[in-house]
Amino acid sequence: MSRQLTRRTALISGLGLAAVPLLRPGPAGAALPPLRLGVLTSQAAASADYGRQLLVGVQQRVAALAGTGGHGMAAPIELLTQDIGQTASTAREAVSRLLDQGVHGIVGPAVGWLSAAAAAEADRACTPIVLPAIGAAPDLPYVFRSAPTDAQVHRALFTAMTGAGRDTAGILRLAPRDTPALREAVDAEAAARGARVAATEAAPADATGLADRVAALLAVTPGALVLDLPAALAGQAAGAARAASWTGPILTTPDAVLPAFQQAAGPAAEGVQAVSPWLPVAGAAAEALPQLMAVRRFAERLLGAGGQADPVAGYAADAVTLLNQAFLGHRDRRTAREQLESACCIGVTGVYNMMPDDHVGLTDDALTMVTSRSGRWTTITPEPPAATPPPPAP
């Protein structure tokens, strides 16, 4: 059931907003109604951490917008949440419920494998939706993404892998994400970096042991293991790999950049590398980083509130920023879509320069490599891994 949050705050172009596009003026003297944003959360065990981080990011961003003063076209913001469930059907139903409540725009789910169903439902209703989860570049008119694309993430992964002298990858991926289209795209990114995917294994979202799947990957003697899994599962997989005497590099997607990874992996987390936005390591960001001030301020807000500076919170905050910008001065969904297609703003994740044929707009420098060291993520580069011995003969 939907739950309306009591916080109503003023929208303005504060933290993370670099430019405001030209707007179609409304009737003279007309007061705008509250901007109603639907927020798709997740309560399922496999994705509850991401649902919590999404909500924290949304709430902190709205609070920051409220504290920066008036803009002249600002109006209250009203958040309505809906649990997305665990299937494509429940995802569509969640969007439908939000649409019935008259939302102007939607912050999509942090559960990436349910994004497509939610996005298609919002697009059919001509309602802008911004997806705060890694995935394919959107190709629907009303669908945008505030997280990096799969292509950007795997480009960074393979660049790091080949930089360490490894040219073959064994990939363990969450089963709901493991589509033929993604496999083809990842193969292409690997080839472009002079690498190849030796094997891919899929793990169900409710997996409780991954030793057999990790063993299957090690059997093809890859140069590196790549984990495209939620944090807790990635931790299990890293632990299984180290228990099987794997000493080569382990790399993960940003989905693993949560404390749950270290908690599940234990000592095996040491030295694991992940592609990530700068938010978890905001204090180490270079002065030349375009979003430096935005990412540092947001990290301070999260940590000051007792939260975690994790990628999903940043994606969610940027989704609010983008929707805020798109609806400044009006409540017309078609106009908002047009504004999003020319959006230029500084977010927590990076600088967004969207165009009609690019509904993400992030450049590759929004991502960096982080390393798990002493139970936390850091920019410290690990020591070069030792050569991995071949598995014992059966």
Protein backbone atom coordinates (compact mmCIF):
# COMPACT_ATOMS: atom_id res chain seq x y z
CA MET A 1 0.00 0.00 0.00
CA SER A 2 1.23 3.51 -0.81
CA ARG A 3 2.50 5.63 2.06
CA GLN A 4 2.59 9.41 1.73
CA LEU A 5 5.53 11.00 3.50
CA THR A 6 4.73 13.96 5.73
CA ARG A 7 7.73 16.03 4.62
CA ARG A 8 6.77 18.79 2.20
CA THR A 9 9.58 21.03 1.16
CA ALA A 10 10.28 23.82 -1.26
CA LEU A 11 12.04 23.00 -4.51
CA ILE A 12 14.86 25.19 -5.65
CA SER A 13 18.03 24.84 -7.68
CA GLY A 14 20.47 24.27 -4.83
CA LEU A 15 22.97 21.43 -4.35
CA GLY A 16 23.74 19.77 -7.63
CA LEU A 17 21.99 22.12 -10.08
CA ALA A 18 24.25 23.89 -12.54
CA ALA A 19 21.88 25.36 -15.08
CA VAL A 20 18.15 25.97 -15.44
CA PRO A 21 16.74 25.63 -18.97
CA LEU A 22 14.26 28.01 -20.54
CA LEU A 23 10.72 27.26 -19.34
CA ARG A 24 7.32 27.67 -20.87
CA PRO A 25 5.61 30.28 -18.69
CA GLY A 26 2.40 29.38 -16.92
CA PRO A 27 -0.61 31.66 -16.42
CA ALA A 28 0.34 34.97 -14.85
CA GLY A 29 0.11 34.82 -11.07
CA ALA A 30 -0.91 31.15 -11.09
CA ALA A 31 0.31 29.22 -8.07
CA LEU A 32 1.82 25.86 -8.85
CA PRO A 33 0.49 22.79 -7.06
CA PRO A 34 2.96 20.67 -5.10
CA LEU A 35 5.32 18.65 -7.24
CA ARG A 36 4.20 15.08 -6.62
CA LEU A 37 7.05 12.59 -7.03
CA GLY A 38 6.47 8.87 -6.84
CA VAL A 39 9.30 6.85 -5.30
CA LEU A 40 9.59 3.12 -6.03
CA THR A 41 11.12 1.43 -3.00
CA SER A 42 11.93 -2.22 -2.32
CA GLN A 43 11.26 -4.27 0.80
CA ALA A 44 12.31 -7.69 -0.56
CA ALA A 45 15.17 -9.26 1.39
CA ALA A 46 17.50 -9.39 -1.62
CA SER A 47 17.17 -5.68 -2.33
CA ALA A 48 16.05 -4.07 0.94
CA ASP A 49 19.45 -2.41 1.47
CA TYR A 50 19.11 -0.69 -1.89
CA GLY A 51 15.53 0.36 -1.17
CA ARG A 52 16.64 1.98 2.09
CA GLN A 53 19.54 3.77 0.45
CA LEU A 54 17.26 5.03 -2.33
CA LEU A 55 14.83 6.50 0.18
CA VAL A 56 17.65 8.09 2.20
CA GLY A 57 19.05 9.68 -0.95
CA VAL A 58 15.67 11.05 -1.99
CA GLN A 59 14.89 12.45 1.45
CA GLN A 60 18.31 14.02 1.93
CA ARG A 61 18.16 15.65 -1.50
CA VAL A 62 14.70 17.06 -0.88
CA ALA A 63 15.83 18.36 2.52
CA ALA A 64 18.83 20.05 0.89
CA LEU A 65 16.61 21.68 -1.72
CA ALA A 66 14.33 22.98 1.02
CA GLY A 67 17.20 24.55 2.92
CA THR A 68 18.62 26.65 0.11
CA GLY A 69 15.91 29.31 -0.08
CA GLY A 70 13.32 30.39 -2.63
CA HIS A 71 13.68 30.41 -6.38
CA GLY A 72 10.62 32.30 -7.55
CA MET A 73 9.12 29.28 -9.30
CA ALA A 74 9.50 26.87 -6.40
CA ALA A 75 6.58 24.95 -4.94
CA PRO A 76 6.22 22.30 -2.24
CA ILE A 77 7.29 18.79 -3.03
CA GLU A 78 5.22 15.78 -2.08
CA LEU A 79 6.74 12.30 -1.98
CA LEU A 80 4.64 9.17 -2.38
CA THR A 81 6.25 5.77 -1.98
CA GLN A 82 5.27 2.40 -3.37
CA ASP A 83 6.94 -0.98 -2.87
CA ILE A 84 7.92 -2.40 -6.24
CA GLY A 85 7.63 -6.05 -5.21
CA GLN A 86 9.74 -8.77 -6.80
CA THR A 87 8.37 -9.35 -10.31
CA ALA A 88 7.73 -7.43 -13.49
CA SER A 89 4.01 -7.66 -12.76
CA THR A 90 4.32 -6.12 -9.29
CA ALA A 91 6.62 -3.42 -10.72
CA ARG A 92 3.99 -2.42 -13.27
CA GLU A 93 1.30 -2.46 -10.57
CA ALA A 94 3.41 -0.21 -8.32
CA VAL A 95 3.78 2.37 -11.10
CA SER A 96 0.06 2.16 -11.86
CA ARG A 97 -0.77 2.91 -8.22
CA LEU A 98 1.49 5.97 -8.26
CA LEU A 99 -0.10 7.19 -11.48
CA ASP A 100 -3.54 6.82 -9.91
CA GLN A 101 -2.37 9.24 -7.20
CA GLY A 102 -1.48 11.88 -9.78
CA VAL A 103 2.31 11.89 -9.58
CA HIS A 104 4.06 14.20 -12.01
CA GLY A 105 7.29 12.20 -12.17
CA ILE A 106 8.76 9.02 -10.72
CA VAL A 107 12.04 8.09 -9.09
CA GLY A 108 12.48 4.55 -10.33
CA PRO A 109 13.59 1.52 -8.32
CA ALA A 110 17.11 0.79 -7.14
CA VAL A 111 16.34 -2.81 -8.14
CA GLY A 112 17.87 -2.66 -11.59
CA TRP A 113 16.35 -5.87 -12.94
CA LEU A 114 12.84 -4.49 -12.37
CA SER A 115 13.57 -1.13 -13.97
CA ALA A 116 12.48 -2.12 -17.48
CA ALA A 117 8.96 -3.10 -16.41
CA ALA A 118 8.53 0.03 -14.28
CA ALA A 119 9.92 2.26 -17.02
CA ALA A 120 7.66 0.83 -19.72
CA GLU A 121 4.57 1.42 -17.56
CA ALA A 122 5.54 5.03 -16.83
CA ASP A 123 6.38 5.67 -20.48
CA ARG A 124 2.99 4.39 -21.62
CA ALA A 125 1.42 7.01 -19.33
CA CYS A 126 3.74 9.75 -20.68
CA THR A 127 5.16 10.28 -17.20
CA PRO A 128 8.89 11.02 -16.78
CA ILE A 129 10.76 8.38 -14.78
CA VAL A 130 14.42 8.58 -13.76
CA LEU A 131 16.06 5.25 -12.99
CA PRO A 132 18.60 5.24 -10.12
CA ALA A 133 20.12 1.87 -11.04
CA ILE A 134 22.74 0.62 -13.47
CA GLY A 135 21.33 -0.72 -16.72
CA ALA A 136 21.09 -0.21 -20.46
CA ALA A 137 20.87 3.25 -21.98
CA PRO A 138 17.13 4.13 -22.05
CA ASP A 139 15.46 4.16 -25.46
CA LEU A 140 11.92 5.18 -24.45
CA PRO A 141 10.84 8.85 -24.67
CA TYR A 142 9.93 9.36 -21.00
CA VAL A 143 12.67 7.19 -19.46
CA PHE A 144 15.95 8.59 -18.14
CA ARG A 145 18.75 7.19 -15.98
CA SER A 146 20.70 8.86 -13.17
CA ALA A 147 23.09 5.91 -12.72
CA PRO A 148 25.87 4.91 -15.11
CA THR A 149 25.09 2.49 -17.89
CA ASP A 150 26.16 -1.15 -18.02
CA ALA A 151 28.50 -0.20 -20.85
CA GLN A 152 30.25 2.44 -18.74
CA VAL A 153 30.62 0.12 -15.76
CA HIS A 154 32.02 -2.79 -17.75
CA ARG A 155 34.30 -0.49 -19.73
CA ALA A 156 35.86 0.59 -16.44
CA LEU A 157 36.02 -3.00 -15.18
CA PHE A 158 37.82 -4.31 -18.25
CA THR A 159 40.16 -1.32 -18.31
CA ALA A 160 41.17 -2.08 -14.73
CA MET A 161 41.49 -5.77 -15.49
CA THR A 162 43.73 -5.36 -18.52
CA GLY A 163 45.71 -2.70 -16.68
CA ALA A 164 46.58 -5.41 -14.16
CA GLY A 165 47.79 -7.65 -16.97
CA ARG A 166 44.73 -9.93 -17.07
CA ASP A 167 42.87 -10.42 -20.35
CA THR A 168 40.23 -13.07 -19.56
CA ALA A 169 37.29 -12.71 -17.20
CA GLY A 170 35.02 -15.15 -15.44
CA ILE A 171 31.77 -13.33 -14.66
CA LEU A 172 29.26 -14.21 -11.94
CA ARG A 173 26.07 -12.24 -12.50
CA LEU A 174 22.71 -11.99 -10.79
CA ALA A 175 20.33 -14.24 -12.73
CA PRO A 176 17.56 -11.64 -13.23
CA ARG A 177 20.12 -9.37 -14.92
CA ASP A 178 21.69 -12.07 -17.07
CA THR A 179 20.07 -11.43 -20.44
CA PRO A 180 21.42 -12.27 -23.92
CA ALA A 181 21.53 -8.54 -24.71
CA LEU A 182 23.70 -7.80 -21.68
CA ARG A 183 26.03 -10.72 -22.43
CA GLU A 184 26.47 -9.47 -25.99
CA ALA A 185 27.16 -5.92 -24.80
CA VAL A 186 29.67 -7.07 -22.18
CA ASP A 187 31.47 -9.27 -24.75
CA ALA A 188 31.76 -6.21 -27.01
CA GLU A 189 33.17 -4.04 -24.20
CA ALA A 190 35.71 -6.73 -23.34
CA ALA A 191 36.82 -7.06 -26.96
CA ALA A 192 37.21 -3.29 -27.26
CA ARG A 193 39.64 -3.40 -24.30
CA GLY A 194 41.64 -6.33 -25.70
CA ALA A 195 40.01 -8.85 -23.35
CA ARG A 196 37.43 -11.61 -23.52
CA VAL A 197 34.85 -13.27 -21.30
CA ALA A 198 35.91 -16.87 -20.68
CA ALA A 199 32.65 -17.88 -18.96
CA THR A 200 29.56 -16.44 -17.31
CA GLU A 201 27.60 -18.01 -14.45
CA ALA A 202 24.26 -16.79 -13.08
CA ALA A 203 23.24 -16.69 -9.42
CA PRO A 204 19.62 -16.43 -8.21
CA ALA A 205 18.71 -13.48 -6.01
CA ASP A 206 17.97 -15.79 -3.07
CA ALA A 207 21.18 -17.82 -3.35
CA THR A 208 22.67 -18.92 -0.04
CA GLY A 209 25.82 -20.58 -1.34
CA LEU A 210 27.87 -19.77 -4.42
CA ALA A 211 30.78 -22.19 -4.11
CA ASP A 212 29.61 -24.35 -7.04
CA ARG A 213 29.21 -21.40 -9.40
CA VAL A 214 32.55 -19.93 -8.37
CA ALA A 215 34.18 -23.32 -8.90
CA ALA A 216 32.70 -23.50 -12.41
CA LEU A 217 34.30 -20.15 -13.23
CA LEU A 218 37.67 -21.08 -11.76
CA ALA A 219 37.64 -24.26 -13.86
CA VAL A 220 38.11 -22.18 -17.02
CA THR A 221 41.19 -20.51 -15.45
CA PRO A 222 40.22 -16.85 -16.01
CA GLY A 223 42.65 -14.04 -15.41
CA ALA A 224 40.16 -12.22 -13.16
CA LEU A 225 36.81 -12.76 -11.49
CA VAL A 226 34.12 -10.13 -12.14
CA LEU A 227 31.15 -10.06 -9.77
CA ASP A 228 27.98 -8.40 -11.06
CA LEU A 229 26.00 -9.04 -7.88
CA PRO A 230 24.34 -7.24 -4.96
CA ALA A 231 26.69 -6.57 -2.05
CA ALA A 232 25.84 -9.55 0.16
CA LEU A 233 26.01 -12.05 -2.71
CA ALA A 234 29.23 -10.50 -3.99
CA GLY A 235 30.67 -10.96 -0.51
CA GLN A 236 29.67 -14.62 -0.52
CA ALA A 237 31.26 -15.10 -3.93
CA ALA A 238 34.52 -13.42 -2.90
CA GLY A 239 34.66 -15.63 0.19
CA ALA A 240 34.07 -18.75 -1.91
CA ALA A 241 36.79 -17.74 -4.37
CA ARG A 242 39.39 -17.17 -1.67
CA ALA A 243 38.38 -20.44 0.03
CA ALA A 244 39.10 -22.17 -3.28
CA SER A 245 42.64 -20.71 -3.21
CA TRP A 246 41.93 -18.05 -5.85
CA THR A 247 44.63 -15.38 -5.51
CA GLY A 248 43.87 -13.40 -8.66
CA PRO A 249 42.01 -10.11 -8.89
CA ILE A 250 38.34 -9.86 -7.95
CA LEU A 251 36.41 -6.93 -9.38
CA THR A 252 32.81 -5.88 -8.79
CA THR A 253 30.20 -3.51 -10.10
CA PRO A 254 29.00 -0.56 -7.97
CA ASP A 255 26.18 -2.72 -6.61
CA ALA A 256 28.69 -4.28 -4.20
CA VAL A 257 29.84 -0.96 -2.75
CA LEU A 258 27.97 -1.29 0.53
CA PRO A 259 29.14 -2.39 4.00
CA ALA A 260 27.17 -5.60 3.41
CA PHE A 261 29.95 -6.70 1.06
CA GLN A 262 32.64 -6.62 3.75
CA GLN A 263 30.25 -8.17 6.27
CA ALA A 264 29.57 -11.13 3.99
CA ALA A 265 33.10 -11.53 2.64
CA GLY A 266 35.02 -11.16 5.89
CA PRO A 267 38.79 -11.32 5.34
CA ALA A 268 38.18 -12.20 1.66
CA ALA A 269 37.07 -8.60 1.05
CA GLU A 270 40.63 -7.36 1.41
CA GLY A 271 41.98 -6.08 -1.90
CA VAL A 272 38.76 -6.53 -3.89
CA GLN A 273 38.28 -3.69 -6.36
CA ALA A 274 35.01 -2.13 -7.49
CA VAL A 275 33.91 0.35 -10.09
CA SER A 276 32.06 3.12 -8.26
CA PRO A 277 30.95 6.72 -8.43
CA TRP A 278 33.01 9.04 -6.21
CA LEU A 279 30.45 9.33 -3.41
CA PRO A 280 31.85 6.53 -1.17
CA VAL A 281 35.32 8.12 -1.41
CA ALA A 282 34.28 11.77 -1.66
CA GLY A 283 37.04 12.89 0.68
CA ALA A 284 39.69 11.54 -1.71
CA ALA A 285 38.23 13.12 -4.85
CA ALA A 286 40.60 15.31 -6.86
CA GLU A 287 40.07 19.07 -6.84
CA ALA A 288 39.53 18.99 -10.59
CA LEU A 289 36.49 16.69 -10.32
CA PRO A 290 33.57 18.63 -11.86
CA GLN A 291 31.06 17.53 -9.20
CA LEU A 292 33.52 17.89 -6.30
CA MET A 293 31.49 20.36 -4.21
CA ALA A 294 28.20 18.55 -4.82
CA VAL A 295 29.56 15.11 -3.94
CA ARG A 296 31.38 16.32 -0.82
CA ARG A 297 28.39 18.24 0.52
CA PHE A 298 26.08 15.30 -0.07
CA ALA A 299 28.49 12.85 1.59
CA GLU A 300 28.70 15.16 4.61
CA ARG A 301 24.89 15.29 4.83
CA LEU A 302 24.59 11.51 4.69
CA LEU A 303 27.33 10.86 7.22
CA GLY A 304 26.09 13.65 9.47
CA ALA A 305 22.68 12.01 9.52
CA GLY A 306 24.21 8.67 10.48
CA GLY A 307 23.82 7.24 7.01
CA GLN A 308 26.14 5.68 4.44
CA ALA A 309 27.68 7.44 1.47
CA ASP A 310 26.79 4.71 -1.02
CA PRO A 311 26.21 4.89 -4.79
CA VAL A 312 22.45 4.23 -4.72
CA ALA A 313 21.83 7.20 -2.42
CA GLY A 314 23.66 9.38 -4.93
CA TYR A 315 21.72 8.03 -7.91
CA ALA A 316 18.45 8.66 -6.04
CA ALA A 317 19.45 12.20 -5.08
CA ASP A 318 20.32 12.95 -8.69
CA ALA A 319 16.97 11.57 -9.87
CA VAL A 320 15.27 14.16 -7.64
CA THR A 321 17.58 16.89 -8.93
CA LEU A 322 16.75 16.06 -12.53
CA LEU A 323 13.00 15.90 -11.95
CA ASN A 324 13.13 19.10 -9.92
CA GLN A 325 14.82 20.88 -12.80
CA ALA A 326 12.46 19.41 -15.37
CA PHE A 327 9.31 20.66 -13.58
CA LEU A 328 10.47 24.13 -12.51
CA GLY A 329 7.73 26.62 -13.30
CA HIS A 330 5.16 24.15 -14.67
CA ARG A 331 3.56 20.75 -14.14
CA ASP A 332 3.32 19.57 -17.75
CA ARG A 333 4.80 16.10 -18.25
CA ARG A 334 5.56 16.58 -21.94
CA THR A 335 7.42 19.81 -21.21
CA ALA A 336 9.30 18.03 -18.43
CA ARG A 337 10.41 15.34 -20.86
CA GLU A 338 11.68 18.00 -23.25
CA GLN A 339 13.53 19.71 -20.42
CA LEU A 340 15.15 16.44 -19.38
CA GLU A 341 16.34 15.90 -22.95
CA SER A 342 18.33 19.13 -22.69
CA ALA A 343 19.22 18.89 -19.00
CA CYS A 344 22.60 20.18 -17.91
CA CYS A 345 23.29 19.91 -14.20
CA ILE A 346 25.89 18.93 -11.68
CA GLY A 347 24.76 15.96 -9.65
CA VAL A 348 26.24 13.83 -6.91
CA THR A 349 27.17 11.07 -9.36
CA GLY A 350 28.56 13.36 -12.03
CA VAL A 351 27.73 16.03 -14.59
CA TYR A 352 24.61 15.27 -16.62
CA ASN A 353 24.45 16.58 -20.18
CA MET A 354 21.42 14.88 -21.65
CA MET A 355 20.24 15.03 -25.25
CA PRO A 356 17.32 13.56 -27.19
CA ASP A 357 19.50 10.58 -28.14
CA ASP A 358 21.23 10.30 -24.75
CA HIS A 359 18.95 9.92 -21.72
CA VAL A 360 21.88 9.40 -19.31
CA GLY A 361 24.39 12.10 -20.15
CA LEU A 362 27.12 10.98 -17.74
CA THR A 363 30.71 10.87 -18.91
CA ASP A 364 33.06 8.03 -17.95
CA ASP A 365 34.93 10.21 -15.45
CA ALA A 366 31.90 9.92 -13.14
CA LEU A 367 33.38 6.53 -12.19
CA THR A 368 36.55 5.54 -10.39
CA MET A 369 38.07 2.36 -8.97
CA VAL A 370 37.81 1.77 -5.23
CA THR A 371 39.43 -0.94 -3.14
CA SER A 372 38.17 -2.78 -0.08
CA ARG A 373 40.78 -2.20 2.60
CA SER A 374 40.41 -2.87 6.33
CA GLY A 375 36.64 -3.13 6.12
CA ARG A 376 35.94 -0.03 4.08
CA TRP A 377 36.16 1.27 0.53
CA THR A 378 39.16 3.42 -0.31
CA THR A 379 41.05 4.75 -3.32
CA ILE A 380 44.21 2.92 -2.24
CA THR A 381 45.37 0.66 -5.07
CA PRO A 382 45.93 -2.97 -4.09
CA GLU A 383 49.23 -4.75 -4.52
CA PRO A 384 49.57 -6.58 -7.84
CA PRO A 385 48.00 -10.04 -7.42
CA ALA A 386 50.11 -13.14 -7.46
CA ALA A 387 49.76 -15.59 -10.31
CA THR A 388 46.80 -17.91 -9.82
CA PRO A 389 47.69 -21.62 -9.86
CA PRO A 390 45.54 -23.85 -12.06
CA PRO A 391 42.79 -25.77 -10.28
CA PRO A 392 43.62 -29.32 -9.22
CA ALA A 393 42.91 -32.02 -11.73
CA PRO A 394 39.59 -33.81 -11.14
